[in-house]
């Protein structure tokens, strides 16, 4: 099981809440890379909700908006 750090690349404003550039969440995944598939996107969204109390819009969970690094 690997841990991946997901970092926002830029400011995202959705529903009156802000995700600032540089916000991070750590995701565990059983693989050497973190694919941005449905269940992984839901976990990223859940981790940002738990850490920052902000709903990360699913439309912004993509490679252009996030930096993903394996720890």
N, C-alpha and C. Protein backbone atom coordinates (compact mmCIF):
# COMPACT_ATOMS: atom_id res chain seq x y z
N UNK A 1 0.85 -1.17 0.00
CA UNK A 1 0.00 0.00 0.00
C UNK A 1 0.90 1.23 0.00
N UNK A 2 0.64 2.14 -0.93
CA UNK A 2 1.42 3.36 -1.06
C UNK A 2 0.61 4.57 -0.61
N UNK A 3 1.32 5.61 -0.20
CA UNK A 3 0.68 6.87 0.18
C UNK A 3 1.04 7.91 -0.88
N UNK A 4 0.03 8.60 -1.34
CA UNK A 4 0.20 9.64 -2.35
C UNK A 4 -0.26 10.97 -1.77
N UNK A 5 0.53 12.01 -2.01
CA UNK A 5 0.14 13.36 -1.59
C UNK A 5 -0.46 14.07 -2.80
N UNK A 6 -1.69 14.54 -2.64
CA UNK A 6 -2.41 15.25 -3.68
C UNK A 6 -2.41 16.73 -3.28
N UNK A 7 -1.90 17.59 -4.16
CA UNK A 7 -1.78 19.02 -3.89
C UNK A 7 -2.51 19.81 -4.96
N UNK A 8 -3.29 20.81 -4.54
CA UNK A 8 -3.97 21.66 -5.51
C UNK A 8 -2.95 22.60 -6.15
N UNK A 9 -3.07 22.79 -7.46
CA UNK A 9 -2.13 23.64 -8.20
C UNK A 9 -2.54 25.10 -8.21
N UNK A 10 -3.85 25.36 -8.12
CA UNK A 10 -4.33 26.74 -8.22
C UNK A 10 -5.57 26.93 -7.37
N UNK A 11 -6.00 28.15 -7.23
CA UNK A 11 -7.20 28.48 -6.48
C UNK A 11 -8.44 27.92 -7.18
N UNK A 12 -9.31 27.28 -6.40
CA UNK A 12 -10.59 26.78 -6.91
C UNK A 12 -11.68 27.35 -6.00
N UNK A 13 -12.67 28.04 -6.58
CA UNK A 13 -13.79 28.57 -5.83
C UNK A 13 -15.03 27.83 -6.29
N UNK A 14 -15.74 27.23 -5.32
CA UNK A 14 -16.95 26.48 -5.65
C UNK A 14 -17.93 26.58 -4.50
N UNK A 15 -19.13 26.98 -4.80
CA UNK A 15 -20.18 27.04 -3.78
C UNK A 15 -19.84 28.00 -2.65
N UNK A 16 -19.11 29.06 -2.95
CA UNK A 16 -18.75 30.03 -1.93
C UNK A 16 -17.58 29.61 -1.06
N UNK A 17 -17.00 28.45 -1.31
CA UNK A 17 -15.85 27.98 -0.54
C UNK A 17 -14.63 27.96 -1.45
N UNK A 18 -13.46 28.14 -0.82
CA UNK A 18 -12.22 28.24 -1.59
C UNK A 18 -11.28 27.10 -1.26
N UNK A 19 -10.67 26.58 -2.29
CA UNK A 19 -9.53 25.68 -2.14
C UNK A 19 -8.33 26.46 -2.65
N UNK A 20 -7.42 26.80 -1.76
CA UNK A 20 -6.25 27.57 -2.12
C UNK A 20 -5.21 26.69 -2.79
N UNK A 21 -4.37 27.29 -3.58
CA UNK A 21 -3.25 26.57 -4.18
C UNK A 21 -2.35 26.08 -3.06
N UNK A 22 -1.90 24.83 -3.15
CA UNK A 22 -1.01 24.26 -2.15
C UNK A 22 -1.68 23.44 -1.06
N UNK A 23 -3.01 23.39 -1.05
CA UNK A 23 -3.69 22.53 -0.09
C UNK A 23 -3.40 21.08 -0.43
N UNK A 24 -3.19 20.25 0.59
CA UNK A 24 -2.81 18.86 0.36
C UNK A 24 -3.71 17.90 1.10
N UNK A 25 -3.75 16.69 0.59
CA UNK A 25 -4.40 15.56 1.26
C UNK A 25 -3.60 14.32 0.92
N UNK A 26 -3.51 13.41 1.87
CA UNK A 26 -2.78 12.16 1.65
C UNK A 26 -3.77 11.03 1.41
N UNK A 27 -3.51 10.27 0.35
CA UNK A 27 -4.39 9.19 -0.09
C UNK A 27 -3.60 7.89 -0.11
N UNK A 28 -4.17 6.83 0.44
CA UNK A 28 -3.53 5.52 0.34
C UNK A 28 -4.16 4.77 -0.83
N UNK A 29 -3.31 4.05 -1.55
CA UNK A 29 -3.79 3.29 -2.70
C UNK A 29 -2.87 2.09 -2.90
N UNK A 30 -3.45 0.96 -3.24
CA UNK A 30 -2.69 -0.26 -3.42
C UNK A 30 -2.20 -0.34 -4.87
N UNK A 31 -1.16 0.40 -5.17
CA UNK A 31 -0.58 0.42 -6.51
C UNK A 31 0.60 1.37 -6.54
N UNK A 32 1.34 1.34 -7.64
CA UNK A 32 2.53 2.18 -7.75
C UNK A 32 2.22 3.56 -8.30
N UNK A 33 1.03 3.74 -8.90
CA UNK A 33 0.58 5.05 -9.37
C UNK A 33 -0.85 5.25 -8.89
N UNK A 34 -1.28 6.50 -8.85
CA UNK A 34 -2.63 6.82 -8.40
C UNK A 34 -3.49 7.17 -9.61
N UNK A 35 -4.31 6.24 -10.08
CA UNK A 35 -5.17 6.55 -11.23
C UNK A 35 -6.35 7.40 -10.79
N UNK A 36 -6.72 8.37 -11.60
CA UNK A 36 -7.85 9.23 -11.25
C UNK A 36 -9.14 8.62 -11.79
N UNK A 37 -9.54 7.52 -11.15
CA UNK A 37 -10.77 6.82 -11.49
C UNK A 37 -11.83 7.16 -10.45
N UNK A 38 -13.03 6.73 -10.66
CA UNK A 38 -14.18 7.12 -9.85
C UNK A 38 -13.98 6.95 -8.36
N UNK A 39 -13.56 5.76 -7.91
CA UNK A 39 -13.46 5.54 -6.46
C UNK A 39 -12.29 6.33 -5.87
N UNK A 40 -11.24 6.58 -6.63
CA UNK A 40 -10.11 7.38 -6.15
C UNK A 40 -10.53 8.85 -6.06
N UNK A 41 -11.27 9.34 -7.04
CA UNK A 41 -11.76 10.71 -7.01
C UNK A 41 -12.65 10.94 -5.79
N UNK A 42 -13.50 9.97 -5.48
CA UNK A 42 -14.36 10.07 -4.31
C UNK A 42 -13.54 10.12 -3.02
N UNK A 43 -12.46 9.36 -2.96
CA UNK A 43 -11.59 9.37 -1.78
C UNK A 43 -10.85 10.70 -1.67
N UNK A 44 -10.39 11.26 -2.77
CA UNK A 44 -9.74 12.58 -2.75
C UNK A 44 -10.74 13.62 -2.24
N UNK A 45 -11.94 13.57 -2.75
CA UNK A 45 -12.99 14.50 -2.33
C UNK A 45 -13.27 14.35 -0.83
N UNK A 46 -13.33 13.12 -0.34
CA UNK A 46 -13.60 12.85 1.08
C UNK A 46 -12.47 13.36 1.96
N UNK A 47 -11.22 13.16 1.53
CA UNK A 47 -10.08 13.60 2.33
C UNK A 47 -10.02 15.14 2.43
N UNK A 48 -10.32 15.84 1.34
CA UNK A 48 -10.35 17.30 1.40
C UNK A 48 -11.51 17.78 2.27
N UNK A 49 -12.62 17.09 2.25
CA UNK A 49 -13.76 17.43 3.10
C UNK A 49 -13.40 17.25 4.57
N UNK A 50 -12.73 16.15 4.91
CA UNK A 50 -12.35 15.90 6.30
C UNK A 50 -11.31 16.90 6.79
N UNK A 51 -10.33 17.21 5.96
CA UNK A 51 -9.21 18.06 6.39
C UNK A 51 -9.57 19.54 6.40
N UNK A 52 -10.29 20.01 5.36
CA UNK A 52 -10.54 21.44 5.20
C UNK A 52 -12.02 21.82 5.28
N UNK A 53 -12.91 20.85 5.38
CA UNK A 53 -14.35 21.08 5.39
C UNK A 53 -14.81 21.81 4.13
N UNK A 54 -14.26 21.40 3.00
CA UNK A 54 -14.60 21.98 1.70
C UNK A 54 -14.92 20.85 0.73
N UNK A 55 -16.03 20.98 0.03
CA UNK A 55 -16.37 20.00 -1.00
C UNK A 55 -15.56 20.29 -2.25
N UNK A 56 -14.65 19.39 -2.58
CA UNK A 56 -13.83 19.54 -3.78
C UNK A 56 -14.69 19.10 -4.96
N UNK A 57 -14.98 19.98 -5.91
CA UNK A 57 -15.82 19.60 -7.05
C UNK A 57 -15.16 18.49 -7.88
N UNK A 58 -15.92 17.45 -8.19
CA UNK A 58 -15.37 16.33 -8.95
C UNK A 58 -14.81 16.75 -10.30
N UNK A 59 -15.37 17.80 -10.90
CA UNK A 59 -14.88 18.28 -12.19
C UNK A 59 -13.47 18.82 -12.15
N UNK A 60 -13.01 19.18 -10.95
CA UNK A 60 -11.65 19.72 -10.80
C UNK A 60 -10.64 18.66 -10.36
N UNK A 61 -11.09 17.44 -10.18
CA UNK A 61 -10.17 16.37 -9.79
C UNK A 61 -9.63 15.75 -11.08
N UNK A 62 -8.55 16.36 -11.58
CA UNK A 62 -7.90 15.88 -12.79
C UNK A 62 -6.42 16.27 -12.75
N UNK A 63 -5.68 15.79 -13.69
CA UNK A 63 -4.24 16.02 -13.73
C UNK A 63 -3.85 17.47 -13.94
N UNK A 64 -4.73 18.27 -14.52
CA UNK A 64 -4.42 19.68 -14.74
C UNK A 64 -4.54 20.50 -13.46
N UNK A 65 -5.38 20.07 -12.53
CA UNK A 65 -5.64 20.83 -11.31
C UNK A 65 -4.87 20.32 -10.11
N UNK A 66 -4.35 19.08 -10.19
CA UNK A 66 -3.71 18.45 -9.04
C UNK A 66 -2.30 17.99 -9.35
N UNK A 67 -1.45 18.10 -8.37
CA UNK A 67 -0.11 17.52 -8.45
C UNK A 67 -0.14 16.29 -7.54
N UNK A 68 0.26 15.15 -8.07
CA UNK A 68 0.22 13.89 -7.32
C UNK A 68 1.65 13.37 -7.21
N UNK A 69 2.07 13.13 -5.97
CA UNK A 69 3.41 12.58 -5.76
C UNK A 69 3.34 11.41 -4.79
N UNK A 70 4.14 10.41 -5.06
CA UNK A 70 4.20 9.23 -4.20
C UNK A 70 5.17 9.51 -3.07
N UNK A 71 4.73 9.25 -1.84
CA UNK A 71 5.59 9.46 -0.67
C UNK A 71 6.35 8.21 -0.30
